[in-house]
N, C-alpha and C. Protein backbone atom coordinates (compact mmCIF):
# COMPACT_ATOMS: atom_id res chain seq x y z
N MET A 1 59.68 73.49 111.02
CA MET A 1 60.96 72.86 110.83
C MET A 1 61.25 72.60 109.36
N SER A 2 60.22 72.09 108.63
CA SER A 2 60.49 71.75 107.26
C SER A 2 60.70 73.05 106.43
N SER A 3 60.01 74.14 106.89
CA SER A 3 60.24 75.41 106.18
C SER A 3 61.62 75.93 106.26
N ILE A 4 62.18 75.75 107.52
CA ILE A 4 63.59 76.16 107.74
C ILE A 4 64.50 75.32 106.92
N LEU A 5 64.31 74.03 106.94
CA LEU A 5 65.10 73.11 106.11
C LEU A 5 64.99 73.43 104.68
N GLY A 6 63.79 73.69 104.17
CA GLY A 6 63.59 74.04 102.77
C GLY A 6 64.23 75.32 102.42
N GLY A 7 64.17 76.30 103.29
CA GLY A 7 64.78 77.59 103.05
C GLY A 7 66.32 77.48 103.08
N LEU A 8 66.86 76.64 103.89
CA LEU A 8 68.25 76.39 103.92
C LEU A 8 68.75 75.68 102.61
N LEU A 9 68.00 74.73 102.15
CA LEU A 9 68.34 74.02 100.91
C LEU A 9 68.30 74.97 99.68
N ILE A 10 67.24 75.82 99.68
CA ILE A 10 67.10 76.83 98.58
C ILE A 10 68.31 77.76 98.62
N GLY A 11 68.64 78.23 99.85
CA GLY A 11 69.75 79.11 99.98
C GLY A 11 71.07 78.49 99.51
N LEU A 12 71.30 77.25 99.91
CA LEU A 12 72.52 76.53 99.43
C LEU A 12 72.47 76.33 97.96
N GLY A 13 71.33 75.98 97.42
CA GLY A 13 71.25 75.78 95.98
C GLY A 13 71.60 77.08 95.18
N CYS A 14 71.07 78.19 95.72
CA CYS A 14 71.32 79.55 95.07
C CYS A 14 72.77 79.91 95.19
N GLY A 15 73.35 79.67 96.33
CA GLY A 15 74.78 79.92 96.55
C GLY A 15 75.60 79.01 95.67
N GLY A 16 75.17 77.78 95.48
CA GLY A 16 75.95 76.85 94.61
C GLY A 16 75.99 77.34 93.12
N VAL A 17 74.80 77.81 92.64
CA VAL A 17 74.72 78.35 91.32
C VAL A 17 75.61 79.52 91.14
N TRP A 18 75.55 80.44 92.09
CA TRP A 18 76.39 81.61 92.12
C TRP A 18 77.83 81.27 92.10
N TRP A 19 78.25 80.31 92.93
CA TRP A 19 79.65 79.87 92.95
C TRP A 19 80.08 79.30 91.59
N ILE A 20 79.24 78.47 91.01
CA ILE A 20 79.60 77.85 89.72
C ILE A 20 79.82 78.94 88.64
N GLU A 21 79.02 79.99 88.65
CA GLU A 21 79.19 81.04 87.68
C GLU A 21 80.53 81.77 87.92
N ILE A 22 80.82 82.02 89.19
CA ILE A 22 82.11 82.70 89.48
C ILE A 22 83.32 81.79 89.04
N LYS A 23 83.18 80.55 89.29
CA LYS A 23 84.29 79.58 88.94
C LYS A 23 84.46 79.56 87.39
N SER A 24 83.33 79.60 86.71
CA SER A 24 83.34 79.61 85.24
C SER A 24 84.07 80.86 84.78
N GLN A 25 83.80 82.02 85.30
CA GLN A 25 84.49 83.20 84.92
C GLN A 25 85.94 83.14 85.18
N ARG A 26 86.34 82.57 86.33
CA ARG A 26 87.77 82.44 86.71
C ARG A 26 88.48 81.53 85.71
N ASN A 27 87.82 80.41 85.34
CA ASN A 27 88.37 79.46 84.37
C ASN A 27 88.59 80.14 83.00
N LYS A 28 87.65 80.96 82.61
CA LYS A 28 87.78 81.67 81.36
C LYS A 28 88.95 82.63 81.43
N MET A 29 89.10 83.37 82.59
CA MET A 29 90.23 84.28 82.79
C MET A 29 91.54 83.53 82.69
N ASP A 30 91.60 82.41 83.36
CA ASP A 30 92.84 81.58 83.37
C ASP A 30 93.17 81.15 81.94
N THR A 31 92.18 80.71 81.14
CA THR A 31 92.39 80.27 79.83
C THR A 31 92.86 81.38 78.92
N MET A 32 92.29 82.53 79.03
CA MET A 32 92.71 83.62 78.17
C MET A 32 94.10 84.11 78.53
N GLY A 33 94.41 84.13 79.81
CA GLY A 33 95.73 84.54 80.23
C GLY A 33 96.80 83.53 79.77
N ASN A 34 96.46 82.23 79.91
CA ASN A 34 97.41 81.17 79.49
C ASN A 34 97.57 81.18 77.96
N MET A 35 96.52 81.41 77.22
CA MET A 35 96.58 81.44 75.75
C MET A 35 97.48 82.65 75.30
N ALA A 36 97.25 83.81 75.99
CA ALA A 36 98.09 84.97 75.69
C ALA A 36 99.57 84.65 75.93
N SER A 37 99.92 84.05 77.06
CA SER A 37 101.30 83.73 77.36
C SER A 37 101.82 82.73 76.40
N ALA A 38 100.98 81.74 76.04
CA ALA A 38 101.44 80.70 75.08
C ALA A 38 101.84 81.41 73.71
N MET A 39 101.02 82.31 73.31
CA MET A 39 101.33 83.00 72.01
C MET A 39 102.68 83.67 72.04
N LEU A 40 102.97 84.27 73.15
CA LEU A 40 104.30 84.95 73.30
C LEU A 40 105.42 83.89 73.36
N GLU A 41 105.15 82.79 74.02
CA GLU A 41 106.14 81.67 74.05
C GLU A 41 106.44 81.13 72.70
N ILE A 42 105.39 80.94 71.89
CA ILE A 42 105.55 80.41 70.51
C ILE A 42 106.37 81.41 69.69
N ARG A 43 106.01 82.67 69.82
CA ARG A 43 106.73 83.70 69.08
C ARG A 43 108.23 83.76 69.48
N SER A 44 108.46 83.66 70.80
CA SER A 44 109.83 83.68 71.23
C SER A 44 110.62 82.50 70.74
N GLU A 45 110.08 81.35 70.77
CA GLU A 45 110.74 80.08 70.31
C GLU A 45 110.95 80.22 68.84
N ILE A 46 110.09 80.73 68.07
CA ILE A 46 110.28 80.83 66.61
C ILE A 46 111.39 81.86 66.31
N GLN A 47 111.28 83.01 67.00
CA GLN A 47 112.31 84.10 66.71
C GLN A 47 113.71 83.78 67.19
N THR A 48 113.81 83.35 68.41
CA THR A 48 115.14 83.19 69.02
C THR A 48 115.79 81.86 68.75
N ASN A 49 115.03 80.75 68.85
CA ASN A 49 115.60 79.38 68.80
C ASN A 49 115.34 78.69 67.52
N GLN A 50 114.39 79.21 66.74
CA GLN A 50 113.89 78.55 65.51
C GLN A 50 113.50 77.09 65.85
N THR A 51 112.84 76.88 66.92
CA THR A 51 112.39 75.59 67.39
C THR A 51 111.22 75.11 66.45
N PRO A 52 111.27 73.85 66.02
CA PRO A 52 110.13 73.33 65.20
C PRO A 52 108.84 73.45 65.96
N LEU A 53 107.76 73.71 65.26
CA LEU A 53 106.49 73.87 65.88
C LEU A 53 105.98 72.66 66.68
N PRO A 54 106.13 71.41 66.14
CA PRO A 54 105.72 70.29 66.97
C PRO A 54 106.37 70.21 68.34
N ARG A 55 107.62 70.54 68.37
CA ARG A 55 108.33 70.50 69.68
C ARG A 55 107.83 71.65 70.60
N ILE A 56 107.47 72.76 70.03
CA ILE A 56 106.94 73.87 70.84
C ILE A 56 105.57 73.44 71.43
N PHE A 57 104.73 72.80 70.57
CA PHE A 57 103.40 72.40 70.99
C PHE A 57 103.46 71.31 72.04
N LEU A 58 104.40 70.42 71.95
CA LEU A 58 104.61 69.37 72.95
C LEU A 58 104.99 70.05 74.30
N ARG A 59 105.90 70.95 74.25
CA ARG A 59 106.32 71.61 75.54
C ARG A 59 105.19 72.46 76.15
N LEU A 60 104.38 73.12 75.30
CA LEU A 60 103.27 73.90 75.82
C LEU A 60 102.18 72.98 76.37
N SER A 61 102.02 71.81 75.78
CA SER A 61 100.99 70.85 76.35
C SER A 61 101.39 70.33 77.67
N GLN A 62 102.67 70.28 77.93
CA GLN A 62 103.21 69.81 79.22
C GLN A 62 103.29 70.96 80.26
N THR A 63 103.35 72.22 79.77
CA THR A 63 103.57 73.30 80.63
C THR A 63 102.24 73.81 81.15
N TYR A 64 101.21 73.86 80.33
CA TYR A 64 99.94 74.43 80.74
C TYR A 64 98.99 73.35 81.15
N THR A 65 98.02 73.75 82.01
CA THR A 65 96.96 72.86 82.47
C THR A 65 95.64 73.43 81.89
N GLY A 66 94.57 72.66 82.10
CA GLY A 66 93.25 73.16 81.74
C GLY A 66 93.08 73.10 80.25
N VAL A 67 92.22 74.00 79.70
CA VAL A 67 91.92 74.06 78.32
C VAL A 67 93.16 74.31 77.45
N THR A 68 94.02 75.17 77.97
CA THR A 68 95.23 75.50 77.18
C THR A 68 96.13 74.30 76.99
N GLY A 69 96.37 73.56 78.05
CA GLY A 69 97.14 72.33 77.92
C GLY A 69 96.54 71.31 77.00
N VAL A 70 95.26 71.14 77.18
CA VAL A 70 94.51 70.15 76.27
C VAL A 70 94.58 70.61 74.84
N PHE A 71 94.42 71.91 74.55
CA PHE A 71 94.47 72.45 73.23
C PHE A 71 95.83 72.10 72.56
N PHE A 72 96.97 72.42 73.21
CA PHE A 72 98.24 72.13 72.58
C PHE A 72 98.53 70.65 72.55
N SER A 73 98.00 69.86 73.43
CA SER A 73 98.11 68.45 73.39
C SER A 73 97.42 67.90 72.15
N GLN A 74 96.22 68.37 71.91
CA GLN A 74 95.46 67.97 70.70
C GLN A 74 96.22 68.30 69.43
N VAL A 75 96.78 69.51 69.37
CA VAL A 75 97.56 69.90 68.15
C VAL A 75 98.71 68.92 67.99
N TYR A 76 99.45 68.73 69.06
CA TYR A 76 100.62 67.85 68.98
C TYR A 76 100.25 66.36 68.56
N GLN A 77 99.22 65.88 69.20
CA GLN A 77 98.72 64.51 68.84
C GLN A 77 98.30 64.40 67.39
N GLY A 78 97.65 65.49 66.89
CA GLY A 78 97.25 65.51 65.49
C GLY A 78 98.49 65.46 64.57
N ILE A 79 99.46 66.15 64.89
CA ILE A 79 100.72 66.18 64.08
C ILE A 79 101.37 64.81 64.16
N GLN A 80 101.37 64.23 65.32
CA GLN A 80 102.00 62.88 65.50
C GLN A 80 101.19 61.86 64.69
N ALA A 81 99.92 62.06 64.53
CA ALA A 81 99.04 61.17 63.73
C ALA A 81 99.18 61.44 62.25
N GLU A 82 100.16 62.26 61.86
CA GLU A 82 100.50 62.57 60.48
C GLU A 82 99.44 63.46 59.77
N LYS A 83 98.73 64.19 60.52
CA LYS A 83 97.79 65.18 59.96
C LYS A 83 98.65 66.44 59.69
N THR A 84 98.17 67.29 58.85
CA THR A 84 98.90 68.55 58.61
C THR A 84 98.72 69.43 59.85
N LEU A 85 99.58 70.42 59.95
CA LEU A 85 99.53 71.33 61.08
C LEU A 85 98.13 72.04 61.10
N THR A 86 97.74 72.51 59.92
CA THR A 86 96.44 73.21 59.79
C THR A 86 95.30 72.29 60.27
N GLU A 87 95.26 71.04 59.82
CA GLU A 87 94.24 70.09 60.21
C GLU A 87 94.27 69.85 61.74
N SER A 88 95.41 69.69 62.23
CA SER A 88 95.52 69.41 63.70
C SER A 88 95.10 70.67 64.54
N TRP A 89 95.48 71.79 64.03
CA TRP A 89 95.10 73.03 64.70
C TRP A 89 93.57 73.24 64.72
N GLU A 90 92.99 73.02 63.50
CA GLU A 90 91.58 73.16 63.35
C GLU A 90 90.77 72.21 64.33
N GLN A 91 91.24 70.98 64.35
CA GLN A 91 90.60 69.90 65.20
C GLN A 91 90.71 70.41 66.68
N ALA A 92 91.85 70.84 67.07
CA ALA A 92 92.06 71.29 68.49
C ALA A 92 91.14 72.47 68.78
N VAL A 93 91.05 73.42 67.84
CA VAL A 93 90.22 74.63 68.10
C VAL A 93 88.78 74.12 68.28
N ASN A 94 88.30 73.24 67.43
CA ASN A 94 86.91 72.77 67.49
C ASN A 94 86.64 71.98 68.74
N VAL A 95 87.62 71.27 69.22
CA VAL A 95 87.41 70.49 70.45
C VAL A 95 87.43 71.38 71.71
N CYS A 96 88.30 72.33 71.76
CA CYS A 96 88.59 73.07 72.98
C CYS A 96 87.81 74.39 73.17
N PHE A 97 87.44 75.03 72.07
CA PHE A 97 86.91 76.36 72.20
C PHE A 97 85.52 76.43 71.55
N LEU A 98 84.53 76.78 72.39
CA LEU A 98 83.15 76.81 71.88
C LEU A 98 82.69 78.15 71.42
N GLU A 99 83.29 79.23 71.89
CA GLU A 99 82.88 80.55 71.57
C GLU A 99 83.22 80.96 70.20
N GLY A 100 82.31 81.62 69.46
CA GLY A 100 82.42 81.96 68.11
C GLY A 100 83.71 82.76 67.73
N GLU A 101 83.81 83.96 68.36
CA GLU A 101 84.87 84.81 68.02
C GLU A 101 86.22 84.28 68.37
N ILE A 102 86.39 83.67 69.51
CA ILE A 102 87.65 83.08 69.93
C ILE A 102 88.01 81.94 68.93
N GLN A 103 87.04 81.19 68.61
CA GLN A 103 87.19 80.07 67.63
C GLN A 103 87.71 80.64 66.30
N ASP A 104 87.04 81.67 65.84
CA ASP A 104 87.41 82.28 64.52
C ASP A 104 88.82 82.80 64.53
N VAL A 105 89.23 83.46 65.57
CA VAL A 105 90.59 84.01 65.69
C VAL A 105 91.61 82.90 65.69
N LEU A 106 91.36 81.81 66.43
CA LEU A 106 92.25 80.69 66.42
C LEU A 106 92.34 79.96 65.16
N HIS A 107 91.18 79.83 64.45
CA HIS A 107 91.15 79.18 63.14
C HIS A 107 92.05 79.96 62.14
N GLN A 108 91.93 81.28 62.19
CA GLN A 108 92.75 82.10 61.29
C GLN A 108 94.25 81.96 61.63
N LEU A 109 94.58 81.93 62.88
CA LEU A 109 95.98 81.73 63.32
C LEU A 109 96.53 80.42 62.79
N GLY A 110 95.72 79.37 62.77
CA GLY A 110 96.14 78.11 62.25
C GLY A 110 96.62 78.19 60.79
N TYR A 111 96.02 79.03 60.02
CA TYR A 111 96.40 79.18 58.61
C TYR A 111 97.70 79.95 58.47
N THR A 112 98.05 80.73 59.41
CA THR A 112 99.32 81.57 59.24
C THR A 112 100.55 80.80 59.53
N PHE A 113 100.45 79.59 60.16
CA PHE A 113 101.65 78.80 60.43
C PHE A 113 102.28 78.27 59.18
N SER A 114 101.66 78.36 58.07
CA SER A 114 102.31 77.90 56.78
C SER A 114 103.10 79.04 56.14
N GLY A 115 103.07 80.29 56.73
CA GLY A 115 103.81 81.38 56.17
C GLY A 115 105.20 81.48 56.72
N ASP A 116 105.90 82.61 56.44
CA ASP A 116 107.23 82.80 56.97
C ASP A 116 107.23 83.21 58.37
N SER A 117 108.33 83.10 59.06
CA SER A 117 108.37 83.26 60.54
C SER A 117 108.08 84.70 60.89
N GLU A 118 108.47 85.65 60.09
CA GLU A 118 108.17 87.04 60.47
C GLU A 118 106.66 87.32 60.47
N LYS A 119 105.95 86.76 59.52
CA LYS A 119 104.49 86.93 59.45
C LYS A 119 103.85 86.16 60.64
N ILE A 120 104.32 85.01 60.94
CA ILE A 120 103.78 84.27 62.04
C ILE A 120 103.95 85.02 63.34
N CYS A 121 105.09 85.59 63.52
CA CYS A 121 105.34 86.36 64.80
C CYS A 121 104.45 87.57 64.93
N LYS A 122 104.23 88.23 63.83
CA LYS A 122 103.31 89.41 63.84
C LYS A 122 101.96 88.99 64.25
N VAL A 123 101.44 87.91 63.64
CA VAL A 123 100.10 87.42 63.89
C VAL A 123 100.01 86.92 65.35
N LEU A 124 101.05 86.24 65.84
CA LEU A 124 101.01 85.77 67.23
C LEU A 124 100.92 87.01 68.18
N LEU A 125 101.59 88.10 67.90
CA LEU A 125 101.46 89.30 68.72
C LEU A 125 100.08 89.86 68.68
N LEU A 126 99.45 89.83 67.52
CA LEU A 126 98.06 90.31 67.44
C LEU A 126 97.11 89.45 68.26
N VAL A 127 97.29 88.11 68.12
CA VAL A 127 96.44 87.15 68.85
C VAL A 127 96.66 87.35 70.39
N ASN A 128 97.95 87.53 70.74
CA ASN A 128 98.24 87.79 72.16
C ASN A 128 97.50 88.98 72.64
N ASP A 129 97.49 90.06 71.88
CA ASP A 129 96.77 91.30 72.28
C ASP A 129 95.27 91.03 72.34
N TYR A 130 94.72 90.18 71.43
CA TYR A 130 93.36 89.82 71.49
C TYR A 130 92.94 89.12 72.77
N PHE A 131 93.79 88.14 73.13
CA PHE A 131 93.49 87.42 74.38
C PHE A 131 93.66 88.33 75.62
N LYS A 132 94.63 89.19 75.59
CA LYS A 132 94.76 90.12 76.72
C LYS A 132 93.57 91.07 76.83
N GLY A 133 93.03 91.44 75.63
CA GLY A 133 91.83 92.31 75.60
C GLY A 133 90.65 91.58 76.23
N ILE A 134 90.43 90.36 75.92
CA ILE A 134 89.37 89.60 76.48
C ILE A 134 89.58 89.48 77.98
N LEU A 135 90.77 89.20 78.40
CA LEU A 135 91.06 89.04 79.82
C LEU A 135 90.81 90.35 80.60
N THR A 136 91.15 91.47 80.02
CA THR A 136 90.97 92.75 80.61
C THR A 136 89.43 93.04 80.72
N ASP A 137 88.73 92.70 79.66
CA ASP A 137 87.29 92.89 79.66
C ASP A 137 86.65 92.05 80.70
N ILE A 138 87.04 90.83 80.84
CA ILE A 138 86.44 89.92 81.89
C ILE A 138 86.71 90.46 83.27
N ARG A 139 87.98 90.87 83.53
CA ARG A 139 88.32 91.45 84.87
C ARG A 139 87.55 92.68 85.17
N SER A 140 87.34 93.56 84.18
CA SER A 140 86.59 94.77 84.46
C SER A 140 85.13 94.56 84.77
N LYS A 141 84.61 93.51 84.13
CA LYS A 141 83.16 93.20 84.29
C LYS A 141 82.81 92.22 85.43
N MET A 142 83.87 91.60 85.96
CA MET A 142 83.64 90.54 86.93
C MET A 142 82.97 91.04 88.19
N PRO A 143 83.42 92.13 88.83
CA PRO A 143 82.69 92.57 90.08
C PRO A 143 81.21 92.81 89.86
N GLU A 144 80.88 93.46 88.77
CA GLU A 144 79.47 93.76 88.50
C GLU A 144 78.70 92.46 88.18
N LYS A 145 79.32 91.54 87.42
CA LYS A 145 78.67 90.27 87.13
C LYS A 145 78.42 89.48 88.44
N ARG A 146 79.43 89.47 89.36
CA ARG A 146 79.22 88.78 90.60
C ARG A 146 78.06 89.32 91.37
N ARG A 147 78.03 90.65 91.49
CA ARG A 147 76.92 91.24 92.24
C ARG A 147 75.59 90.98 91.63
N SER A 148 75.47 91.22 90.29
CA SER A 148 74.15 91.04 89.66
C SER A 148 73.76 89.57 89.59
N PHE A 149 74.68 88.66 89.30
CA PHE A 149 74.33 87.32 89.28
C PHE A 149 73.94 86.73 90.68
N GLY A 150 74.70 87.18 91.72
CA GLY A 150 74.38 86.84 93.10
C GLY A 150 73.04 87.38 93.49
N ALA A 151 72.75 88.60 93.18
CA ALA A 151 71.47 89.21 93.55
C ALA A 151 70.38 88.45 92.79
N MET A 152 70.56 88.10 91.57
CA MET A 152 69.54 87.37 90.83
C MET A 152 69.31 85.96 91.43
N CYS A 153 70.35 85.30 91.80
CA CYS A 153 70.24 83.94 92.40
C CYS A 153 69.51 84.01 93.76
N PHE A 154 69.97 84.89 94.55
CA PHE A 154 69.37 84.92 95.94
C PHE A 154 68.01 85.56 95.95
N SER A 155 67.69 86.52 95.03
CA SER A 155 66.32 87.04 95.06
C SER A 155 65.39 86.01 94.43
N GLY A 156 65.90 85.23 93.46
CA GLY A 156 65.08 84.10 92.89
C GLY A 156 64.81 83.09 93.98
N GLY A 157 65.82 82.76 94.80
CA GLY A 157 65.67 81.79 95.88
C GLY A 157 64.63 82.35 96.90
N ALA A 158 64.76 83.59 97.18
CA ALA A 158 63.85 84.20 98.20
C ALA A 158 62.41 84.18 97.64
N LEU A 159 62.24 84.43 96.37
CA LEU A 159 60.88 84.38 95.74
C LEU A 159 60.32 82.99 95.79
N LEU A 160 61.22 81.98 95.52
CA LEU A 160 60.79 80.60 95.55
C LEU A 160 60.37 80.24 96.97
N LEU A 161 61.19 80.68 97.97
CA LEU A 161 60.82 80.41 99.34
C LEU A 161 59.51 80.98 99.77
N ILE A 162 59.27 82.21 99.33
CA ILE A 162 57.95 82.85 99.66
C ILE A 162 56.79 82.14 99.02
N LEU A 163 57.03 81.66 97.75
CA LEU A 163 55.92 80.96 97.08
C LEU A 163 55.72 79.57 97.73
N LEU A 164 56.72 78.94 98.22
CA LEU A 164 56.53 77.65 98.87
C LEU A 164 55.92 77.73 100.28
N VAL A 165 56.08 78.80 100.92
CA VAL A 165 55.57 79.02 102.30
C VAL A 165 54.17 79.50 102.25
C-alpha cells in the first residue's frame, strides 16, 4: 500500500515539475509577444500622434499584464520620481528581465529614446523583430522541449520509484 502511495506521490511530483516548465515557457512566450506588440505601439504613437513617452508608458503599463505591464509601470514610476528616461528604463530592465541578451537589447533601446523620432522608430522596429524572433524560436522548440523534459521527469521518477522499492 505504501509503495502505491509513494509511486503516486512521485508521479504527481514529476508531473508537477513538468507542468511548471511548460508554464514557464508559456509565460516567456507571452512576454515576448507582448513586448513585440508594445514596441509597435510605441512606434505608432510616436509617428502618428507624437504622444509624449511618459504618457505612452503609462498607457502600456495599464494595457499589459505580467512582466510587460510591470516593466512599463517601472519606467513610468521612475519618470514620475524625476529620474531621467534612461535611468528609469535601465532600472526597469534590471528589475524585470534576467536574461543576458534580452537585457542587453533593452538597455540599448533605452539609450535611443534621447534621439530623434525617426531613429527611435527604426530601432523600435528592430527590437520588435528581435522579440518576434525569440517568440518564433520558442514556439518551434516547444513541442520537443515538452517531450524531452516530460520524458526526463517521468523516467527520473520511475528510476526513483525502482530504487525505493
